[in-house]
Amino acid sequence: MQGDERTGTGAAAAFALGGESARAVYRDLLRFGPRSRSELSSRLGLSAPTVTRVTRELLERELLHPLTAVPRAKGRPHEPLDIEENRGPRFIGVKVTADEVHAVVTTVRATVLEELTLPLEDTSPGHVQETILVAVQAILAAHPPVAGIGVGLGGLVAARRTVVSSHLLGWSEPVELAAALEAHVMLPVVVENDLIAMVDGLHWFGIGRAYASFAVLTVGAGVGIATVIDGRVVRGRHHMAGLTGRLPVGTGPDGAPVAIREIASTAAVVRRARELGVLAPADGIEELRALITAGDDGALGVAEEMARALAVAAVALLAVTDPEAIILGGETVDLLRATAPVFEESLRAGIAGGQRDLVVRTLSGAFDEWARGVAVIAVQEFVGVEP
């Protein structure tokens, strides 16, 4: 595919922000909203002539637009500037699961414009790449101009380029996913662990932006824990912080530790429900959901076991990181929502008295939340933010 002004390399070049001063101005307006030139100069430590120059260039290229001037008691009125979201660049976010590819196209502030879901027939690297490309090409045809693409999946990712391994997809060898996709779409592609991407999305444009420190606990095929402390996503030395369900939440009959994923993952919850006779051997999570909705005591009991185990994990997390809020999400967060009183009672019983003002918030559990977060990492690449 050849690049032009609407797709491929032409679109990326058309929206290039330029030097670091221009990027700094654009980033500040993007995340924190309209400001005057004098406010930008003060906040960013840039000289007034520099701010005037870069804002003029960004205005001429229609990456910014002026808002109505605000009168002042003395001096010239403030003329706030803001980014141009409606006519600005678009970004694609792709969330890969074991059986589907979920894609969204968003504005530069991660407002979702359209969603697309495709089945994933198998999880081999080649087939995953092909399915991603089908979704991406469909969006590119309908929503030019796109300036960047993000891909998120469950696994260990290096430098936002290479999938080192993915237990979820059965990948044990490194896959150069970003490079493989870039060869076909002629656009910058970034790849990230899906949990880290979702947390970045919540931190930049979602409910997490209200807090300097917050924790995210997700439950579904796996159990993930991620934290933002003092405005920074905690990734860890190997970028593995919170990416496993290995956190012990009890001990088994033999005294061995029991990990959270062995109790709260979808497979563990279904297995427990079958053991107790709540589900038939062929039944799965959808049948369990239906029973919970109907108020079945056995099904609610299984969900309550899950809620208590997750509360233990949350208490440990809060004891170490002391965030302002904890955000619950994931594909099976609806089971947690159905047993919210049990979760909150267990949580409040375990945390310190000074933490009783903790805010607990719950996401919808829809996959577009994950895909939107992955679009945000493409936005971060566009504005020059280091992971």
Protein backbone atom coordinates (compact mmCIF):
# COMPACT_ATOMS: atom_id res chain seq x y z
CA MET A 1 0.00 0.00 0.00
CA GLN A 2 1.32 3.41 -0.91
CA GLY A 3 1.08 6.22 1.67
CA ASP A 4 -0.96 9.34 0.88
CA GLU A 5 -2.62 12.16 2.79
CA ARG A 6 -5.44 9.96 4.02
CA THR A 7 -3.85 6.64 4.90
CA GLY A 8 -0.47 5.07 5.60
CA THR A 9 2.71 7.04 5.89
CA GLY A 10 1.09 10.17 4.42
CA ALA A 11 -1.42 10.41 7.27
CA ALA A 12 1.25 9.94 9.93
CA ALA A 13 3.45 12.60 8.32
CA ALA A 14 0.55 15.02 7.92
CA PHE A 15 -0.06 15.03 11.66
CA ALA A 16 3.57 14.97 12.84
CA LEU A 17 3.85 17.40 15.74
CA GLY A 18 7.41 18.55 15.15
CA GLY A 19 9.94 19.33 17.87
CA GLU A 20 9.74 18.74 21.59
CA SER A 21 8.33 22.20 22.36
CA ALA A 22 5.39 21.61 20.04
CA ARG A 23 4.88 18.14 21.49
CA ALA A 24 4.94 19.52 25.03
CA VAL A 25 2.29 22.15 24.19
CA TYR A 26 0.09 19.64 22.40
CA ARG A 27 0.43 17.04 25.21
CA ASP A 28 -0.56 19.53 27.88
CA LEU A 29 -3.64 20.70 25.99
CA LEU A 30 -4.53 17.11 25.10
CA ARG A 31 -4.56 15.82 28.65
CA PHE A 32 -5.56 18.84 30.69
CA GLY A 33 -7.74 20.91 28.41
CA PRO A 34 -7.78 24.50 27.14
CA ARG A 35 -5.16 26.99 28.28
CA SER A 36 -3.94 30.40 27.21
CA ARG A 37 -0.47 30.91 25.77
CA SER A 38 0.70 32.58 28.97
CA GLU A 39 -0.52 29.62 31.04
CA LEU A 40 1.28 27.20 28.72
CA SER A 41 4.47 29.22 29.01
CA SER A 42 4.29 29.17 32.81
CA ARG A 43 3.36 25.49 33.12
CA LEU A 44 5.86 24.16 30.63
CA GLY A 45 8.79 26.46 31.34
CA LEU A 46 8.88 27.66 27.73
CA SER A 47 9.54 31.24 26.68
CA ALA A 48 6.63 33.33 25.45
CA PRO A 49 8.11 33.63 21.92
CA THR A 50 8.53 29.84 21.73
CA VAL A 51 4.93 29.21 22.79
CA THR A 52 3.70 31.84 20.32
CA ARG A 53 5.69 30.24 17.51
CA VAL A 54 4.67 26.63 18.10
CA THR A 55 1.01 27.43 18.75
CA ARG A 56 0.88 29.49 15.55
CA GLU A 57 2.28 26.52 13.60
CA LEU A 58 -0.16 24.09 15.22
CA LEU A 59 -3.07 26.46 14.55
CA GLU A 60 -2.08 26.85 10.91
CA ARG A 61 -2.03 23.06 10.55
CA GLU A 62 -5.46 22.83 12.26
CA LEU A 63 -4.12 20.67 15.09
CA LEU A 64 -5.29 23.35 17.54
CA HIS A 65 -8.17 25.80 17.52
CA PRO A 66 -8.87 28.96 19.55
CA LEU A 67 -11.76 29.24 21.97
CA THR A 68 -13.74 32.34 22.93
CA ALA A 69 -11.51 34.92 24.59
CA VAL A 70 -11.97 35.37 28.35
CA PRO A 71 -12.00 39.04 29.48
CA ARG A 72 -9.74 40.09 32.36
CA ALA A 73 -9.98 43.04 34.72
CA LYS A 74 -6.62 44.29 33.43
CA GLY A 75 -4.66 43.59 30.30
CA ARG A 76 -5.59 41.72 27.15
CA PRO A 77 -8.24 38.98 27.31
CA HIS A 78 -7.09 35.39 27.69
CA GLU A 79 -7.54 33.42 24.47
CA PRO A 80 -7.58 29.73 25.43
CA LEU A 81 -6.38 27.18 22.91
CA ASP A 82 -7.47 23.56 22.65
CA ILE A 83 -6.62 20.61 20.44
CA GLU A 84 -8.70 19.97 17.34
CA GLU A 85 -10.40 16.68 18.19
CA ASN A 86 -13.17 16.49 15.60
CA ARG A 87 -10.99 16.97 12.52
CA GLY A 88 -7.81 15.68 14.10
CA PRO A 89 -6.03 12.35 13.67
CA ARG A 90 -7.70 9.02 14.40
CA PHE A 91 -6.21 6.05 16.23
CA ILE A 92 -6.99 2.35 16.13
CA GLY A 93 -6.94 0.14 19.22
CA VAL A 94 -7.01 -3.67 18.86
CA LYS A 95 -7.60 -6.01 21.80
CA VAL A 96 -6.77 -9.67 21.11
CA THR A 97 -8.34 -12.45 23.18
CA ALA A 98 -8.08 -16.20 22.77
CA ASP A 99 -11.13 -16.28 20.48
CA GLU A 100 -11.82 -12.76 19.18
CA VAL A 101 -10.22 -9.57 17.92
CA HIS A 102 -11.91 -6.38 19.16
CA ALA A 103 -11.01 -3.16 17.36
CA VAL A 104 -12.06 0.45 17.90
CA VAL A 105 -11.26 3.71 16.16
CA THR A 106 -10.96 6.78 18.37
CA THR A 107 -10.18 10.46 18.34
CA VAL A 108 -6.92 11.70 19.81
CA ARG A 109 -8.70 11.97 23.19
CA ALA A 110 -9.76 8.32 22.91
CA THR A 111 -13.42 8.98 22.20
CA VAL A 112 -14.63 5.79 20.52
CA LEU A 113 -16.19 6.37 17.10
CA GLU A 114 -16.81 2.81 15.96
CA GLU A 115 -16.21 -0.78 17.07
CA LEU A 116 -15.55 -3.99 15.15
CA THR A 117 -15.31 -7.56 16.44
CA LEU A 118 -13.98 -10.51 14.43
CA PRO A 119 -13.76 -14.18 15.45
CA LEU A 120 -10.28 -15.64 15.88
CA GLU A 121 -10.25 -19.12 14.37
CA ASP A 122 -6.87 -20.04 15.86
CA THR A 123 -4.18 -18.28 17.84
CA SER A 124 -1.10 -18.96 15.74
CA PRO A 125 0.95 -15.77 15.20
CA GLY A 126 0.26 -15.74 11.45
CA HIS A 127 -3.49 -16.07 11.84
CA VAL A 128 -3.64 -13.48 14.62
CA GLN A 129 -1.75 -11.04 12.39
CA GLU A 130 -4.10 -11.72 9.47
CA THR A 131 -7.21 -11.18 11.59
CA ILE A 132 -5.84 -7.95 13.04
CA LEU A 133 -5.08 -6.71 9.52
CA VAL A 134 -8.62 -7.49 8.31
CA ALA A 135 -10.04 -5.38 11.15
CA VAL A 136 -7.50 -2.59 10.67
CA GLN A 137 -7.98 -2.38 6.91
CA ALA A 138 -11.75 -2.16 7.33
CA ILE A 139 -11.37 0.73 9.77
CA LEU A 140 -8.77 2.49 7.60
CA ALA A 141 -11.18 2.42 4.67
CA ALA A 142 -13.99 3.96 6.73
CA HIS A 143 -12.11 6.36 9.03
CA PRO A 144 -9.19 8.15 7.42
CA PRO A 145 -6.90 9.69 8.39
CA VAL A 146 -5.41 7.33 11.00
CA ALA A 147 -2.10 8.33 12.60
CA GLY A 148 -1.29 5.23 14.66
CA ILE A 149 -2.33 1.76 15.74
CA GLY A 150 -2.12 0.05 19.13
CA VAL A 151 -2.44 -3.68 19.77
CA GLY A 152 -3.00 -5.19 23.23
CA LEU A 153 -2.92 -8.83 24.31
CA GLY A 154 -2.33 -10.93 27.38
CA GLY A 155 1.40 -11.56 27.52
CA LEU A 156 4.85 -10.16 28.11
CA VAL A 157 5.79 -7.40 25.65
CA ALA A 158 9.22 -5.84 25.15
CA ALA A 159 9.72 -2.20 24.10
CA ARG A 160 6.11 -1.99 22.88
CA ARG A 161 7.23 -3.93 19.81
CA THR A 162 7.85 -7.62 20.48
CA VAL A 163 5.56 -10.15 22.16
CA VAL A 164 8.06 -12.13 24.22
CA SER A 165 5.50 -14.74 25.21
CA SER A 166 1.76 -15.14 25.63
CA HIS A 167 0.32 -18.00 27.67
CA LEU A 168 -3.16 -16.91 26.60
CA LEU A 169 -2.36 -17.32 22.88
CA GLY A 170 0.04 -20.22 23.28
CA TRP A 171 3.06 -18.22 22.08
CA SER A 172 6.26 -19.44 23.70
CA GLU A 173 8.68 -17.81 21.24
CA PRO A 174 9.08 -14.07 20.56
CA VAL A 175 6.82 -12.61 17.86
CA GLU A 176 7.80 -9.33 16.14
CA LEU A 177 4.18 -8.26 15.95
CA ALA A 178 4.63 -4.51 15.51
CA ALA A 179 7.07 -4.88 12.62
CA ALA A 180 4.90 -7.49 10.90
CA LEU A 181 1.83 -5.24 10.99
CA GLU A 182 3.74 -2.10 9.99
CA ALA A 183 4.95 -3.82 6.83
CA HIS A 184 1.32 -4.02 5.65
CA VAL A 185 -0.33 -0.83 6.92
CA MET A 186 2.53 1.67 6.58
CA LEU A 187 1.60 3.24 9.91
CA PRO A 188 3.34 3.25 13.30
CA VAL A 189 2.22 0.29 15.41
CA VAL A 190 2.77 -0.17 19.13
CA VAL A 191 2.09 -3.36 21.08
CA GLU A 192 1.51 -3.60 24.82
CA ASN A 193 0.21 -5.93 27.48
CA ASP A 194 -3.55 -5.38 27.48
CA LEU A 195 -3.81 -4.66 31.21
CA ILE A 196 -1.07 -2.02 31.12
CA ALA A 197 -2.72 -0.46 28.06
CA MET A 198 -6.11 -0.31 29.74
CA VAL A 199 -4.59 1.31 32.83
CA ASP A 200 -2.87 3.89 30.62
CA GLY A 201 -6.26 4.61 29.05
CA LEU A 202 -7.94 5.03 32.43
CA HIS A 203 -5.07 7.22 33.62
CA TRP A 204 -5.02 9.54 30.60
CA PHE A 205 -8.67 9.89 29.66
CA GLY A 206 -10.79 7.62 31.86
CA ILE A 207 -12.05 7.54 35.43
CA GLY A 208 -8.50 7.14 36.73
CA ARG A 209 -7.54 10.68 35.77
CA ALA A 210 -9.36 11.94 38.87
CA TYR A 211 -6.78 10.23 41.11
CA ALA A 212 -3.03 10.67 41.50
CA SER A 213 -2.84 7.06 42.71
CA PHE A 214 -5.21 4.22 41.92
CA ALA A 215 -5.23 0.46 41.51
CA VAL A 216 -6.96 -1.69 38.91
CA LEU A 217 -8.04 -5.26 39.60
CA THR A 218 -9.31 -7.21 36.59
CA VAL A 219 -10.81 -10.67 36.52
CA GLY A 220 -11.60 -12.91 33.58
CA ALA A 221 -9.46 -15.50 31.79
CA GLY A 222 -6.75 -14.35 34.18
CA VAL A 223 -6.48 -12.04 37.16
CA GLY A 224 -4.54 -8.84 36.73
CA ILE A 225 -3.47 -6.15 39.17
CA ALA A 226 -2.00 -2.84 38.07
CA THR A 227 -1.28 0.41 39.87
CA VAL A 228 -0.69 4.06 39.15
CA ILE A 229 1.33 5.70 41.90
CA ASP A 230 1.82 9.47 41.99
CA GLY A 231 0.78 9.73 38.35
CA ARG A 232 2.99 6.94 36.97
CA VAL A 233 2.01 3.44 35.88
CA VAL A 234 4.06 0.88 37.83
CA ARG A 235 5.59 -1.59 35.39
CA GLY A 236 8.43 -3.22 37.31
CA ARG A 237 11.94 -4.26 36.28
CA HIS A 238 10.70 -6.86 33.79
CA HIS A 239 7.45 -5.00 33.01
CA MET A 240 5.68 -7.82 34.86
CA ALA A 241 4.27 -5.91 37.81
CA GLY A 242 0.75 -7.18 38.40
CA LEU A 243 0.58 -9.20 35.19
CA THR A 244 0.14 -12.63 36.77
CA GLY A 245 -2.42 -14.17 39.06
CA ARG A 246 0.29 -15.61 41.29
CA LEU A 247 -0.59 -13.51 44.33
CA PRO A 248 -1.34 -15.96 47.18
CA VAL A 249 -4.69 -15.49 48.88
CA GLY A 250 -4.73 -18.56 51.10
CA THR A 251 -3.28 -22.03 51.63
CA GLY A 252 -4.43 -25.42 50.42
CA PRO A 253 -4.91 -28.64 52.45
CA ASP A 254 -1.23 -29.44 51.98
CA GLY A 255 -0.15 -26.03 53.21
CA ALA A 256 0.90 -24.85 49.75
CA PRO A 257 -0.10 -21.30 48.80
CA VAL A 258 -3.21 -20.87 46.70
CA ALA A 259 -2.88 -18.20 44.01
CA ILE A 260 -5.69 -15.79 43.18
CA ARG A 261 -6.03 -17.17 39.65
CA GLU A 262 -6.78 -20.62 41.09
CA ILE A 263 -9.90 -19.20 42.70
CA ALA A 264 -11.03 -16.16 40.72
CA SER A 265 -10.20 -16.80 37.05
CA THR A 266 -13.09 -17.79 34.78
CA ALA A 267 -11.85 -21.37 34.47
CA ALA A 268 -11.45 -21.69 38.26
CA VAL A 269 -14.92 -20.30 38.97
CA VAL A 270 -16.55 -22.64 36.44
CA ARG A 271 -14.60 -25.59 37.80
CA ARG A 272 -15.70 -24.78 41.35
CA ALA A 273 -19.34 -24.47 40.25
CA ARG A 274 -19.17 -27.89 38.60
CA GLU A 275 -17.55 -29.44 41.69
CA LEU A 276 -20.42 -28.18 43.84
CA GLY A 277 -23.06 -29.38 41.38
CA VAL A 278 -24.18 -25.85 40.58
CA LEU A 279 -23.26 -26.40 36.93
CA ALA A 280 -23.51 -29.53 34.82
CA PRO A 281 -20.21 -30.84 33.38
CA ALA A 282 -20.92 -29.25 29.99
CA ASP A 283 -22.06 -25.88 31.40
CA GLY A 284 -19.87 -22.79 31.45
CA ILE A 285 -19.70 -19.18 32.54
CA GLU A 286 -22.84 -18.10 30.64
CA GLU A 287 -24.95 -20.70 32.45
CA LEU A 288 -23.47 -19.53 35.75
CA ARG A 289 -24.35 -15.94 34.90
CA ALA A 290 -27.93 -16.95 34.18
CA LEU A 291 -28.20 -18.74 37.53
CA ILE A 292 -26.80 -15.73 39.38
CA THR A 293 -29.28 -13.45 37.62
CA ALA A 294 -32.07 -15.81 38.69
CA GLY A 295 -30.89 -15.60 42.31
CA ASP A 296 -29.74 -19.24 42.60
CA ASP A 297 -28.16 -19.67 46.06
CA GLY A 298 -25.50 -22.11 44.87
CA ALA A 299 -24.38 -19.89 42.02
CA LEU A 300 -24.30 -16.85 44.30
CA GLY A 301 -22.21 -18.85 46.77
CA VAL A 302 -19.61 -19.55 44.07
CA ALA A 303 -19.51 -15.87 43.14
CA GLU A 304 -19.15 -14.92 46.81
CA GLU A 305 -16.10 -17.21 47.15
CA MET A 306 -14.59 -15.38 44.21
CA ALA A 307 -15.46 -11.99 45.75
CA ARG A 308 -13.82 -12.86 49.08
CA ALA A 309 -10.64 -14.06 47.37
CA LEU A 310 -10.45 -10.87 45.32
CA ALA A 311 -11.00 -8.81 48.46
CA VAL A 312 -7.99 -10.55 50.06
CA ALA A 313 -5.91 -9.63 47.01
CA ALA A 314 -7.19 -6.05 47.14
CA VAL A 315 -6.35 -5.73 50.84
CA ALA A 316 -2.76 -6.84 50.15
CA LEU A 317 -2.52 -4.38 47.28
CA LEU A 318 -3.86 -1.53 49.40
CA ALA A 319 -1.50 -2.33 52.25
CA VAL A 320 1.48 -1.91 49.93
CA THR A 321 0.43 0.93 47.62
CA ASP A 322 -2.24 2.90 49.57
CA PRO A 323 -4.09 4.32 46.52
CA GLU A 324 -7.01 6.73 46.54
CA ALA A 325 -9.25 4.38 44.56
CA ILE A 326 -9.54 0.81 43.37
CA ILE A 327 -11.14 0.15 39.99
CA LEU A 328 -12.65 -3.26 39.25
CA GLY A 329 -12.90 -4.56 35.69
CA GLY A 330 -12.55 -7.54 33.40
CA GLU A 331 -14.83 -9.92 31.52
CA THR A 332 -16.37 -11.42 34.67
CA VAL A 333 -16.59 -8.28 36.78
CA ASP A 334 -20.38 -8.75 36.59
CA LEU A 335 -20.02 -11.68 39.02
CA LEU A 336 -18.23 -9.35 41.38
CA ARG A 337 -20.90 -6.70 40.89
CA ALA A 338 -23.59 -9.24 41.80
CA THR A 339 -21.84 -9.88 45.12
CA ALA A 340 -20.68 -6.31 45.76
CA PRO A 341 -21.77 -6.26 49.45
CA VAL A 342 -19.65 -9.36 50.17
CA PHE A 343 -16.61 -7.89 48.39
CA GLU A 344 -16.87 -4.51 50.08
CA GLU A 345 -17.50 -5.99 53.53
CA SER A 346 -14.44 -8.22 53.21
CA LEU A 347 -12.39 -5.34 51.86
CA ARG A 348 -13.38 -2.86 54.58
CA ALA A 349 -12.73 -5.47 57.26
CA GLY A 350 -9.15 -5.95 56.08
CA ILE A 351 -7.90 -2.44 55.39
CA ALA A 352 -6.54 0.04 57.90
CA GLY A 353 -8.86 2.54 59.53
CA GLY A 354 -7.19 5.42 57.73
CA GLN A 355 -8.02 3.82 54.38
CA ARG A 356 -11.78 3.63 54.93
CA ASP A 357 -12.29 6.56 52.56
CA LEU A 358 -11.09 4.39 49.70
CA VAL A 359 -13.20 4.83 46.55
CA VAL A 360 -14.33 1.61 44.84
CA ARG A 361 -15.42 1.94 41.21
CA THR A 362 -16.48 -0.71 38.71
CA LEU A 363 -16.09 -0.78 34.94
CA SER A 364 -18.63 -2.32 32.58
CA GLY A 365 -16.44 -5.27 31.62
CA ALA A 366 -16.93 -4.65 27.88
CA PHE A 367 -13.98 -5.34 25.62
CA ASP A 368 -14.15 -1.86 24.09
CA GLU A 369 -12.72 -0.55 27.38
CA TRP A 370 -9.61 -2.61 26.71
CA ALA A 371 -9.43 -1.67 23.03
CA ARG A 372 -9.85 2.01 23.92
CA GLY A 373 -6.88 1.72 26.28
CA VAL A 374 -4.80 0.20 23.50
CA ALA A 375 -5.68 3.16 21.27
CA VAL A 376 -4.29 5.40 24.02
CA ILE A 377 -0.83 3.81 23.76
CA ALA A 378 -0.89 4.72 20.06
CA VAL A 379 -1.80 8.28 21.09
CA GLN A 380 1.11 8.26 23.56
CA GLU A 381 3.46 7.22 20.77
CA PHE A 382 2.07 10.00 18.59
CA VAL A 383 2.71 12.72 21.20
CA GLY A 384 6.11 11.36 22.22
CA VAL A 385 5.52 9.88 25.68
CA GLU A 386 8.01 7.31 26.91
CA PRO A 387 6.34 4.15 28.39
